[in-house]
Structure formats: structure tokens, C-alpha cells
């Protein structure tokens, strides 16, 4: 796995061995950013179920200013820290070592890009977006990228956001919500 494009483009990323995380393939990651960008002029990104941190690192590589990564698994946290160190831009990243719900209670400010790839997709995504919206954490021009199994059907609207784009890549489905 590697960073697909931007200032860190081509750099290798480490991933966690085993079945506790499901890393987004380079092909799907590239497709996601081509759907929503492909590049950014600043902004904040929240990667709530980070895994290896590759989606947030890709967002910073493509022009976001700041990334908040949330991960509860200790082994995944160590991989994220190694991947962040590889960027040599550690100040742009903040890793919260906790459950996503606990992080939502502590987050401040608004996010322009939210990345959601939770273990139990449909239930978690709906609940998470409702919590983000209720806490005022979504900017007016937010994009929420949800990666799920292709069999998962998400609602057309959740809280103040609605589906903007949706595409299937192999076994993965990417759904993008906007306000």
C-alpha cells in the first residue's frame, strides 16, 4: 500500500496484519479522491476509524491542512504513528487513541472532510453522522465519505446531509454525503 498522489505520493504505507482492520486498497483510495477532489485547498479531515491512517494521510498529501485520526486498536495505533512519521509532517496529524464515540465527545471545531469506514457499517454510519451533526462538527461544505461492503444500503439522507455520489468498486461501495 502507498500514498497515491500529492506531496507524499508514491511513499509506502504500512498496514496491520490480520483481520482486525480492512485497509482500503490503493485503487479504491485513488477512486475516492478522484470522486471528491482530487486535491484540496486546505481544510480539516477527520478519519474516525483510522486503521492504518492511509485515508487521512492521503487527504493531507492532497492539500488538507490538518488531520484528526481516531483508532482504538493498539496495534493499529502503532502502524498509524509509523505512517505519520514517514510523512515528516507530524504536526499536521493528531492521533486520538480511543473509541470513536468517546472521541466525538472530545472533538472541537468543524471538519471539511469526514472519512467513515466502521466495522459495522450501516448502524455505525447513521449514528455517527447524527452525532457529528448534533455536535456542530460538520462545516457548511463538508463531504462525508463512507466506505462499506457493496451490499450495505445507506439512507438517502442522514441528519443535515444527503447522498451526493455513490459508486461500487469490486466488493466495496463508496457513498459521499454533502450538506
N, C-alpha and C. Protein backbone atom coordinates (compact mmCIF):
# COMPACT_ATOMS: atom_id res chain seq x y z
N UNK A 1 0.85 -1.18 0.00
CA UNK A 1 0.00 0.00 0.00
C UNK A 1 0.89 1.23 0.00
N UNK A 2 0.40 2.30 -0.65
CA UNK A 2 1.20 3.52 -0.76
C UNK A 2 0.30 4.74 -0.78
N UNK A 3 0.90 5.92 -0.68
CA UNK A 3 0.18 7.17 -0.88
C UNK A 3 0.04 7.33 -2.40
N UNK A 4 -1.17 7.58 -2.87
CA UNK A 4 -1.44 7.58 -4.31
C UNK A 4 -0.96 8.85 -4.99
N UNK A 5 -1.25 10.04 -4.41
CA UNK A 5 -0.92 11.29 -5.09
C UNK A 5 -0.62 12.40 -4.09
N UNK A 6 -0.13 13.52 -4.62
CA UNK A 6 0.14 14.68 -3.77
C UNK A 6 1.57 14.71 -3.27
N UNK A 7 1.81 15.52 -2.22
CA UNK A 7 3.18 15.74 -1.76
C UNK A 7 3.85 14.51 -1.17
N UNK A 8 3.08 13.52 -0.73
CA UNK A 8 3.66 12.26 -0.23
C UNK A 8 3.50 11.13 -1.26
N UNK A 9 3.05 11.45 -2.46
CA UNK A 9 2.73 10.46 -3.48
C UNK A 9 3.84 9.45 -3.70
N UNK A 10 3.46 8.17 -3.76
CA UNK A 10 4.40 7.09 -4.00
C UNK A 10 5.06 6.52 -2.76
N UNK A 11 4.96 7.22 -1.63
CA UNK A 11 5.60 6.71 -0.42
C UNK A 11 4.84 5.49 0.10
N UNK A 12 5.58 4.49 0.58
CA UNK A 12 4.92 3.27 1.08
C UNK A 12 4.26 3.49 2.43
N UNK A 13 3.16 2.78 2.65
CA UNK A 13 2.45 2.81 3.93
C UNK A 13 2.41 1.40 4.51
N UNK A 14 2.53 1.33 5.82
CA UNK A 14 2.43 0.03 6.49
C UNK A 14 0.97 -0.24 6.80
N UNK A 15 0.62 -1.52 6.86
CA UNK A 15 -0.74 -1.91 7.25
C UNK A 15 -0.64 -2.98 8.33
N UNK A 16 -1.73 -3.15 9.02
CA UNK A 16 -1.80 -4.12 10.10
C UNK A 16 -2.10 -5.51 9.53
N UNK A 17 -1.31 -6.47 9.94
CA UNK A 17 -1.56 -7.85 9.52
C UNK A 17 -2.78 -8.39 10.27
N UNK A 18 -3.51 -9.29 9.65
CA UNK A 18 -4.64 -9.92 10.33
C UNK A 18 -5.97 -9.35 9.88
N UNK A 19 -7.02 -9.70 10.61
CA UNK A 19 -8.37 -9.35 10.21
C UNK A 19 -9.01 -8.24 11.05
N UNK A 20 -8.23 -7.58 11.93
CA UNK A 20 -8.85 -6.56 12.78
C UNK A 20 -9.13 -5.27 12.01
N UNK A 21 -8.39 -5.01 10.92
CA UNK A 21 -8.68 -3.85 10.08
C UNK A 21 -8.78 -4.32 8.64
N UNK A 22 -9.47 -3.52 7.81
CA UNK A 22 -9.60 -3.81 6.39
C UNK A 22 -9.05 -2.61 5.63
N UNK A 23 -7.76 -2.64 5.25
CA UNK A 23 -7.19 -1.47 4.58
C UNK A 23 -7.87 -1.20 3.24
N UNK A 24 -8.10 0.06 2.97
CA UNK A 24 -8.64 0.48 1.69
C UNK A 24 -7.56 0.27 0.64
N UNK A 25 -7.88 -0.42 -0.45
CA UNK A 25 -6.87 -0.65 -1.48
C UNK A 25 -6.48 0.67 -2.14
N UNK A 26 -5.28 0.69 -2.73
CA UNK A 26 -4.82 1.89 -3.44
C UNK A 26 -5.80 2.28 -4.54
N UNK A 27 -6.36 1.27 -5.23
CA UNK A 27 -7.30 1.54 -6.32
C UNK A 27 -8.55 2.26 -5.79
N UNK A 28 -9.12 1.75 -4.70
CA UNK A 28 -10.32 2.37 -4.13
C UNK A 28 -9.98 3.74 -3.56
N UNK A 29 -8.83 3.86 -2.89
CA UNK A 29 -8.41 5.15 -2.32
C UNK A 29 -8.27 6.19 -3.43
N UNK A 30 -7.62 5.82 -4.53
CA UNK A 30 -7.49 6.73 -5.66
C UNK A 30 -8.84 7.13 -6.22
N UNK A 31 -9.75 6.15 -6.32
CA UNK A 31 -11.10 6.42 -6.84
C UNK A 31 -11.87 7.37 -5.91
N UNK A 32 -11.73 7.16 -4.59
CA UNK A 32 -12.40 8.02 -3.62
C UNK A 32 -11.97 9.47 -3.83
N UNK A 33 -10.66 9.68 -3.89
CA UNK A 33 -10.17 11.06 -4.02
C UNK A 33 -10.45 11.65 -5.38
N UNK A 34 -10.55 10.84 -6.43
CA UNK A 34 -10.97 11.37 -7.72
C UNK A 34 -12.44 11.78 -7.68
N UNK A 35 -13.25 11.09 -6.86
CA UNK A 35 -14.67 11.45 -6.71
C UNK A 35 -14.83 12.79 -6.00
N UNK A 36 -14.03 13.02 -4.97
CA UNK A 36 -14.27 14.17 -4.08
C UNK A 36 -13.30 15.32 -4.28
N UNK A 37 -12.26 15.17 -5.04
CA UNK A 37 -11.22 16.19 -5.12
C UNK A 37 -10.87 16.53 -6.54
N UNK A 38 -9.76 16.04 -6.96
CA UNK A 38 -8.83 15.15 -6.28
C UNK A 38 -7.88 15.85 -5.32
N UNK A 39 -7.82 17.20 -5.39
CA UNK A 39 -6.92 17.93 -4.49
C UNK A 39 -7.71 18.95 -3.70
N UNK A 40 -7.13 19.44 -2.60
CA UNK A 40 -7.83 20.35 -1.69
C UNK A 40 -7.01 21.61 -1.47
N UNK A 41 -7.72 22.67 -1.14
CA UNK A 41 -7.08 23.94 -0.80
C UNK A 41 -7.29 24.17 0.69
N UNK A 42 -6.62 23.36 1.51
CA UNK A 42 -6.73 23.48 2.96
C UNK A 42 -7.95 22.76 3.49
N UNK A 43 -8.13 22.87 4.81
CA UNK A 43 -9.28 22.26 5.48
C UNK A 43 -8.84 21.23 6.51
N UNK A 44 -9.84 20.72 7.24
CA UNK A 44 -9.60 19.72 8.29
C UNK A 44 -10.28 18.42 7.92
N UNK A 45 -9.59 17.31 8.19
CA UNK A 45 -10.13 15.98 7.91
C UNK A 45 -10.21 15.19 9.21
N UNK A 46 -11.30 14.44 9.35
CA UNK A 46 -11.50 13.54 10.48
C UNK A 46 -11.60 12.13 9.93
N UNK A 47 -10.70 11.25 10.37
CA UNK A 47 -10.72 9.84 9.99
C UNK A 47 -11.07 9.07 11.26
N UNK A 48 -12.34 8.70 11.38
CA UNK A 48 -12.87 8.22 12.67
C UNK A 48 -12.56 6.76 13.00
N UNK A 49 -12.34 5.95 12.01
CA UNK A 49 -11.97 4.54 12.24
C UNK A 49 -10.73 4.30 11.39
N UNK A 50 -9.59 4.80 11.85
CA UNK A 50 -8.42 5.02 11.00
C UNK A 50 -7.73 3.78 10.45
N UNK A 51 -7.67 2.71 11.19
CA UNK A 51 -6.95 1.53 10.68
C UNK A 51 -5.47 1.82 10.53
N UNK A 52 -5.00 2.01 9.30
CA UNK A 52 -3.59 2.33 9.06
C UNK A 52 -3.35 3.84 8.95
N UNK A 53 -4.44 4.61 8.86
CA UNK A 53 -4.32 6.06 8.69
C UNK A 53 -4.14 6.48 7.24
N UNK A 54 -4.21 5.53 6.31
CA UNK A 54 -3.88 5.86 4.93
C UNK A 54 -4.83 6.87 4.29
N UNK A 55 -6.13 6.83 4.62
CA UNK A 55 -7.06 7.78 4.01
C UNK A 55 -6.79 9.21 4.48
N UNK A 56 -6.49 9.40 5.76
CA UNK A 56 -6.18 10.73 6.27
C UNK A 56 -4.85 11.23 5.74
N UNK A 57 -3.86 10.35 5.66
CA UNK A 57 -2.56 10.74 5.12
C UNK A 57 -2.71 11.15 3.65
N UNK A 58 -3.54 10.44 2.92
CA UNK A 58 -3.81 10.80 1.52
C UNK A 58 -4.44 12.19 1.44
N UNK A 59 -5.37 12.50 2.36
CA UNK A 59 -6.03 13.82 2.36
C UNK A 59 -5.01 14.93 2.61
N UNK A 60 -4.09 14.73 3.55
CA UNK A 60 -3.05 15.73 3.82
C UNK A 60 -2.13 15.84 2.61
N UNK A 61 -1.77 14.72 2.03
CA UNK A 61 -0.92 14.70 0.84
C UNK A 61 -1.53 15.51 -0.29
N UNK A 62 -2.87 15.50 -0.36
CA UNK A 62 -3.58 16.19 -1.44
C UNK A 62 -4.03 17.60 -1.07
N UNK A 63 -3.56 18.14 0.07
CA UNK A 63 -3.79 19.56 0.34
C UNK A 63 -4.57 19.93 1.58
N UNK A 64 -5.12 18.98 2.31
CA UNK A 64 -5.77 19.32 3.59
C UNK A 64 -4.69 19.81 4.57
N UNK A 65 -5.07 20.69 5.50
CA UNK A 65 -4.11 21.27 6.45
C UNK A 65 -3.88 20.40 7.68
N UNK A 66 -4.96 19.80 8.18
CA UNK A 66 -4.89 19.13 9.48
C UNK A 66 -5.75 17.87 9.46
N UNK A 67 -5.24 16.80 10.09
CA UNK A 67 -5.99 15.54 10.17
C UNK A 67 -6.09 15.09 11.61
N UNK A 68 -7.30 14.67 12.00
CA UNK A 68 -7.51 14.03 13.29
C UNK A 68 -7.87 12.58 12.98
N UNK A 69 -7.06 11.67 13.51
CA UNK A 69 -7.27 10.24 13.29
C UNK A 69 -7.69 9.61 14.60
N UNK A 70 -8.70 8.75 14.56
CA UNK A 70 -9.20 8.09 15.76
C UNK A 70 -9.07 6.58 15.55
N UNK A 71 -8.42 5.92 16.50
CA UNK A 71 -8.27 4.47 16.41
C UNK A 71 -8.17 3.89 17.81
N UNK A 72 -8.91 2.80 18.07
CA UNK A 72 -8.91 2.19 19.40
C UNK A 72 -7.92 1.04 19.52
N UNK A 73 -7.61 0.35 18.41
CA UNK A 73 -6.74 -0.82 18.43
C UNK A 73 -5.28 -0.41 18.61
N UNK A 74 -4.63 -0.92 19.65
CA UNK A 74 -3.25 -0.52 19.96
C UNK A 74 -2.27 -0.85 18.84
N UNK A 75 -2.44 -2.02 18.22
CA UNK A 75 -1.52 -2.38 17.13
C UNK A 75 -1.72 -1.45 15.94
N UNK A 76 -2.96 -1.10 15.63
CA UNK A 76 -3.23 -0.17 14.55
C UNK A 76 -2.67 1.22 14.88
N UNK A 77 -2.77 1.63 16.14
CA UNK A 77 -2.21 2.93 16.56
C UNK A 77 -0.72 3.01 16.26
N UNK A 78 0.01 1.91 16.53
CA UNK A 78 1.45 1.88 16.28
C UNK A 78 1.74 2.02 14.78
N UNK A 79 0.93 1.36 13.94
CA UNK A 79 1.09 1.46 12.48
C UNK A 79 0.81 2.90 12.03
N UNK A 80 -0.26 3.51 12.55
CA UNK A 80 -0.59 4.89 12.20
C UNK A 80 0.58 5.81 12.54
N UNK A 81 1.15 5.64 13.74
CA UNK A 81 2.26 6.50 14.15
C UNK A 81 3.46 6.34 13.22
N UNK A 82 3.74 5.10 12.79
CA UNK A 82 4.84 4.89 11.84
C UNK A 82 4.53 5.55 10.50
N UNK A 83 3.29 5.43 10.03
CA UNK A 83 2.91 6.03 8.75
C UNK A 83 2.96 7.56 8.83
N UNK A 84 2.53 8.13 9.94
CA UNK A 84 2.60 9.59 10.11
C UNK A 84 4.06 10.04 10.11
N UNK A 85 4.91 9.30 10.81
CA UNK A 85 6.33 9.65 10.87
C UNK A 85 6.94 9.66 9.47
N UNK A 86 6.52 8.73 8.62
CA UNK A 86 7.03 8.66 7.25
C UNK A 86 6.77 9.95 6.48
N UNK A 87 5.69 10.66 6.81
CA UNK A 87 5.36 11.89 6.07
C UNK A 87 6.33 13.03 6.40
N UNK A 88 6.98 12.96 7.55
CA UNK A 88 7.85 14.04 8.05
C UNK A 88 7.07 15.35 8.21
N UNK A 89 5.75 15.23 8.39
CA UNK A 89 4.87 16.38 8.63
C UNK A 89 3.98 16.08 9.84
N UNK A 90 4.60 15.56 10.90
CA UNK A 90 3.84 15.08 12.06
C UNK A 90 2.92 16.14 12.66
N UNK A 91 3.28 17.42 12.56
CA UNK A 91 2.46 18.49 13.16
C UNK A 91 1.07 18.60 12.53
N UNK A 92 0.91 18.05 11.33
CA UNK A 92 -0.38 18.14 10.65
C UNK A 92 -1.35 17.05 11.10
N UNK A 93 -0.88 16.13 11.94
CA UNK A 93 -1.69 14.99 12.34
C UNK A 93 -1.87 14.94 13.85
N UNK A 94 -3.06 14.51 14.26
CA UNK A 94 -3.33 14.27 15.68
C UNK A 94 -4.02 12.91 15.79
N UNK A 95 -3.40 11.99 16.54
CA UNK A 95 -3.96 10.67 16.73
C UNK A 95 -4.63 10.58 18.09
N UNK A 96 -5.92 10.27 18.09
CA UNK A 96 -6.66 10.06 19.33
C UNK A 96 -6.80 8.55 19.53
N UNK A 97 -6.22 8.06 20.62
CA UNK A 97 -6.19 6.62 20.88
C UNK A 97 -7.38 6.24 21.76
N UNK A 98 -8.53 6.07 21.11
CA UNK A 98 -9.76 5.80 21.85
C UNK A 98 -10.87 5.33 20.91
N UNK A 99 -11.99 4.93 21.51
CA UNK A 99 -13.19 4.57 20.77
C UNK A 99 -13.73 5.80 20.03
N UNK A 100 -14.35 5.59 18.89
CA UNK A 100 -14.90 6.68 18.10
C UNK A 100 -15.91 7.51 18.89
N UNK A 101 -16.81 6.85 19.62
CA UNK A 101 -17.84 7.59 20.37
C UNK A 101 -17.23 8.49 21.43
N UNK A 102 -16.18 8.02 22.09
CA UNK A 102 -15.50 8.85 23.09
C UNK A 102 -14.84 10.06 22.43
N UNK A 103 -14.24 9.83 21.26
CA UNK A 103 -13.61 10.93 20.52
C UNK A 103 -14.63 11.99 20.13
N UNK A 104 -15.82 11.55 19.70
CA UNK A 104 -16.85 12.51 19.30
C UNK A 104 -17.22 13.46 20.44
N UNK A 105 -17.14 12.97 21.67
CA UNK A 105 -17.44 13.82 22.82
C UNK A 105 -16.34 14.85 23.08
N UNK A 106 -15.13 14.61 22.56
CA UNK A 106 -13.99 15.48 22.85
C UNK A 106 -13.60 16.40 21.70
N UNK A 107 -14.08 16.13 20.50
CA UNK A 107 -13.66 16.90 19.33
C UNK A 107 -14.20 18.33 19.38
N UNK A 108 -13.38 19.24 18.89
CA UNK A 108 -13.76 20.66 18.81
C UNK A 108 -13.53 21.15 17.39
N UNK A 109 -14.24 22.21 17.01
CA UNK A 109 -14.08 22.77 15.68
C UNK A 109 -14.89 22.00 14.66
N UNK A 110 -14.75 22.43 13.41
CA UNK A 110 -15.52 21.78 12.34
C UNK A 110 -14.59 21.08 11.36
N UNK A 111 -15.14 20.08 10.69
CA UNK A 111 -14.38 19.30 9.72
C UNK A 111 -14.97 19.49 8.33
N UNK A 112 -14.07 19.54 7.34
CA UNK A 112 -14.48 19.72 5.94
C UNK A 112 -14.59 18.38 5.22
N UNK A 113 -13.87 17.38 5.75
CA UNK A 113 -13.89 16.04 5.18
C UNK A 113 -13.95 15.06 6.33
N UNK A 114 -14.91 14.13 6.28
CA UNK A 114 -15.03 13.09 7.30
C UNK A 114 -14.97 11.75 6.59
N UNK A 115 -14.09 10.87 7.09
CA UNK A 115 -13.88 9.55 6.50
C UNK A 115 -14.42 8.50 7.45
N UNK A 116 -15.39 7.70 6.99
CA UNK A 116 -16.02 6.69 7.83
C UNK A 116 -15.94 5.31 7.17
N UNK A 117 -15.24 4.41 7.84
CA UNK A 117 -15.16 3.02 7.40
C UNK A 117 -15.24 2.14 8.65
N UNK A 118 -16.40 2.19 9.33
CA UNK A 118 -16.53 1.48 10.61
C UNK A 118 -16.74 -0.02 10.43
N UNK A 119 -16.48 -0.78 11.50
CA UNK A 119 -16.65 -2.23 11.43
C UNK A 119 -18.08 -2.67 11.14
N UNK A 120 -19.08 -2.05 11.74
CA UNK A 120 -20.48 -2.42 11.50
C UNK A 120 -21.13 -1.25 10.78
N UNK A 121 -20.99 -1.24 9.49
CA UNK A 121 -21.22 -0.07 8.67
C UNK A 121 -22.52 0.67 8.86
N UNK A 122 -23.64 0.08 8.51
CA UNK A 122 -24.87 0.86 8.42
C UNK A 122 -25.25 1.49 9.75
N UNK A 123 -25.29 0.70 10.82
CA UNK A 123 -25.71 1.23 12.12
C UNK A 123 -24.74 2.31 12.60
N UNK A 124 -23.46 2.05 12.47
CA UNK A 124 -22.44 3.00 12.94
C UNK A 124 -22.46 4.29 12.13
N UNK A 125 -22.57 4.19 10.82
CA UNK A 125 -22.53 5.38 9.97
C UNK A 125 -23.68 6.31 10.28
N UNK A 126 -24.88 5.79 10.37
CA UNK A 126 -26.05 6.64 10.66
C UNK A 126 -25.88 7.31 12.02
N UNK A 127 -25.55 6.54 13.03
CA UNK A 127 -25.39 7.08 14.38
C UNK A 127 -24.26 8.11 14.44
N UNK A 128 -23.16 7.83 13.78
CA UNK A 128 -22.00 8.72 13.80
C UNK A 128 -22.31 10.04 13.12
N UNK A 129 -22.93 9.99 11.94
CA UNK A 129 -23.25 11.24 11.23
C UNK A 129 -24.23 12.07 12.05
N UNK A 130 -25.22 11.42 12.68
CA UNK A 130 -26.16 12.16 13.53
C UNK A 130 -25.43 12.85 14.69
N UNK A 131 -24.47 12.15 15.29
CA UNK A 131 -23.70 12.73 16.40
C UNK A 131 -22.81 13.88 15.92
N UNK A 132 -22.14 13.71 14.80
CA UNK A 132 -21.30 14.78 14.24
C UNK A 132 -22.13 16.03 13.97
N UNK A 133 -23.30 15.85 13.40
CA UNK A 133 -24.19 16.96 13.07
C UNK A 133 -24.70 17.64 14.35
N UNK A 134 -25.16 16.85 15.31
CA UNK A 134 -25.71 17.40 16.56
C UNK A 134 -24.66 18.18 17.34
N UNK A 135 -23.40 17.79 17.25
CA UNK A 135 -22.31 18.46 17.98
C UNK A 135 -21.71 19.64 17.20
N UNK A 136 -22.25 19.93 16.02
CA UNK A 136 -21.77 21.07 15.22
C UNK A 136 -20.37 20.86 14.67
N UNK A 137 -19.99 19.62 14.39
CA UNK A 137 -18.64 19.32 13.92
C UNK A 137 -18.50 19.30 12.40
N UNK A 138 -19.61 19.51 11.68
CA UNK A 138 -19.59 19.48 10.22
C UNK A 138 -19.60 20.90 9.65
N UNK A 139 -18.63 21.21 8.81
CA UNK A 139 -18.61 22.54 8.18
C UNK A 139 -19.77 22.63 7.18
N UNK A 140 -20.03 23.84 6.69
CA UNK A 140 -21.13 24.05 5.74
C UNK A 140 -20.88 23.34 4.41
N UNK A 141 -19.61 23.10 4.08
CA UNK A 141 -19.28 22.47 2.80
C UNK A 141 -18.64 21.08 3.02
N UNK A 142 -19.05 20.41 4.08
CA UNK A 142 -18.48 19.11 4.44
C UNK A 142 -18.77 18.04 3.38
N UNK A 143 -17.81 17.13 3.22
CA UNK A 143 -18.02 15.90 2.46
C UNK A 143 -17.76 14.76 3.43
N UNK A 144 -18.71 13.83 3.50
CA UNK A 144 -18.57 12.66 4.36
C UNK A 144 -18.46 11.44 3.46
N UNK A 145 -17.31 10.78 3.51
CA UNK A 145 -17.04 9.62 2.66
C UNK A 145 -17.22 8.35 3.50
N UNK A 146 -18.15 7.50 3.08
CA UNK A 146 -18.45 6.26 3.79
C UNK A 146 -18.04 5.09 2.90
N UNK A 147 -17.19 4.23 3.44
CA UNK A 147 -16.79 3.03 2.71
C UNK A 147 -17.44 1.83 3.39
N UNK A 148 -18.18 1.06 2.61
CA UNK A 148 -18.91 -0.09 3.14
C UNK A 148 -18.76 -1.28 2.18
N UNK A 149 -19.27 -2.42 2.61
CA UNK A 149 -19.43 -3.55 1.71
C UNK A 149 -20.48 -3.15 0.68
N UNK A 150 -20.37 -3.66 -0.55
CA UNK A 150 -21.31 -3.24 -1.60
C UNK A 150 -22.75 -3.60 -1.31
N UNK A 151 -22.99 -4.53 -0.38
CA UNK A 151 -24.36 -4.94 -0.06
C UNK A 151 -25.06 -3.99 0.92
N UNK A 152 -24.32 -3.06 1.52
CA UNK A 152 -24.90 -2.15 2.52
C UNK A 152 -25.62 -1.00 1.81
N UNK A 153 -26.88 -0.81 2.17
CA UNK A 153 -27.65 0.32 1.63
C UNK A 153 -27.81 1.38 2.71
N UNK A 154 -27.24 2.53 2.46
CA UNK A 154 -27.33 3.65 3.41
C UNK A 154 -28.52 4.53 3.03
N UNK A 155 -29.10 5.25 4.02
CA UNK A 155 -30.24 6.13 3.73
C UNK A 155 -29.85 7.28 2.80
N UNK A 156 -30.83 7.76 2.03
CA UNK A 156 -30.60 8.90 1.13
C UNK A 156 -30.17 10.14 1.93
N UNK A 157 -30.77 10.32 3.11
CA UNK A 157 -30.45 11.48 3.95
C UNK A 157 -30.21 11.02 5.38
N UNK A 158 -29.25 11.66 6.02
CA UNK A 158 -28.97 11.44 7.44
C UNK A 158 -28.73 12.82 8.04
N UNK A 159 -29.50 13.18 9.06
CA UNK A 159 -29.38 14.50 9.71
C UNK A 159 -29.43 15.57 8.62
N UNK A 160 -28.40 16.44 8.52
CA UNK A 160 -28.44 17.56 7.57
C UNK A 160 -27.73 17.25 6.25
N UNK A 161 -27.36 15.98 6.01
CA UNK A 161 -26.64 15.65 4.78
C UNK A 161 -27.41 14.65 3.93
N UNK A 162 -27.12 14.68 2.63
CA UNK A 162 -27.75 13.75 1.69
C UNK A 162 -26.70 13.17 0.76
N UNK A 163 -27.04 12.06 0.13
CA UNK A 163 -26.10 11.40 -0.79
C UNK A 163 -25.86 12.30 -2.01
N UNK A 164 -24.58 12.51 -2.30
CA UNK A 164 -24.15 13.29 -3.46
C UNK A 164 -23.67 12.36 -4.57
N UNK A 165 -22.83 11.38 -4.19
CA UNK A 165 -22.31 10.40 -5.14
C UNK A 165 -22.23 9.04 -4.48
N UNK A 166 -22.35 8.00 -5.30
CA UNK A 166 -22.22 6.64 -4.78
C UNK A 166 -21.69 5.77 -5.91
N UNK A 167 -20.68 4.94 -5.57
CA UNK A 167 -20.08 4.10 -6.60
C UNK A 167 -19.59 2.80 -5.99
N UNK A 168 -19.68 1.71 -6.76
CA UNK A 168 -19.21 0.40 -6.31
C UNK A 168 -17.87 0.11 -6.98
N UNK A 169 -16.92 -0.34 -6.16
CA UNK A 169 -15.59 -0.75 -6.64
C UNK A 169 -15.35 -2.16 -6.11
N UNK A 170 -15.52 -3.17 -6.96
CA UNK A 170 -15.33 -4.55 -6.51
C UNK A 170 -16.30 -4.89 -5.39
N UNK A 171 -15.76 -5.24 -4.20
CA UNK A 171 -16.61 -5.60 -3.06
C UNK A 171 -16.94 -4.38 -2.19
N UNK A 172 -16.39 -3.21 -2.54
CA UNK A 172 -16.59 -2.01 -1.73
C UNK A 172 -17.57 -1.04 -2.39
N UNK A 173 -18.33 -0.34 -1.54
CA UNK A 173 -19.20 0.73 -2.02
C UNK A 173 -18.75 2.01 -1.33
N UNK A 174 -18.63 3.08 -2.09
CA UNK A 174 -18.26 4.38 -1.55
C UNK A 174 -19.46 5.31 -1.71
N UNK A 175 -19.92 5.87 -0.59
CA UNK A 175 -21.04 6.80 -0.58
C UNK A 175 -20.55 8.12 -0.04
N UNK A 176 -20.82 9.20 -0.77
CA UNK A 176 -20.39 10.53 -0.34
C UNK A 176 -21.62 11.37 -0.03
N UNK A 177 -21.66 11.86 1.22
CA UNK A 177 -22.74 12.76 1.65
C UNK A 177 -22.23 14.20 1.69
N UNK A 178 -23.13 15.15 1.36
CA UNK A 178 -22.84 16.58 1.49
C UNK A 178 -24.06 17.27 2.09
N UNK A 179 -23.85 18.48 2.60
CA UNK A 179 -24.97 19.27 3.15
C UNK A 179 -25.80 19.83 2.03
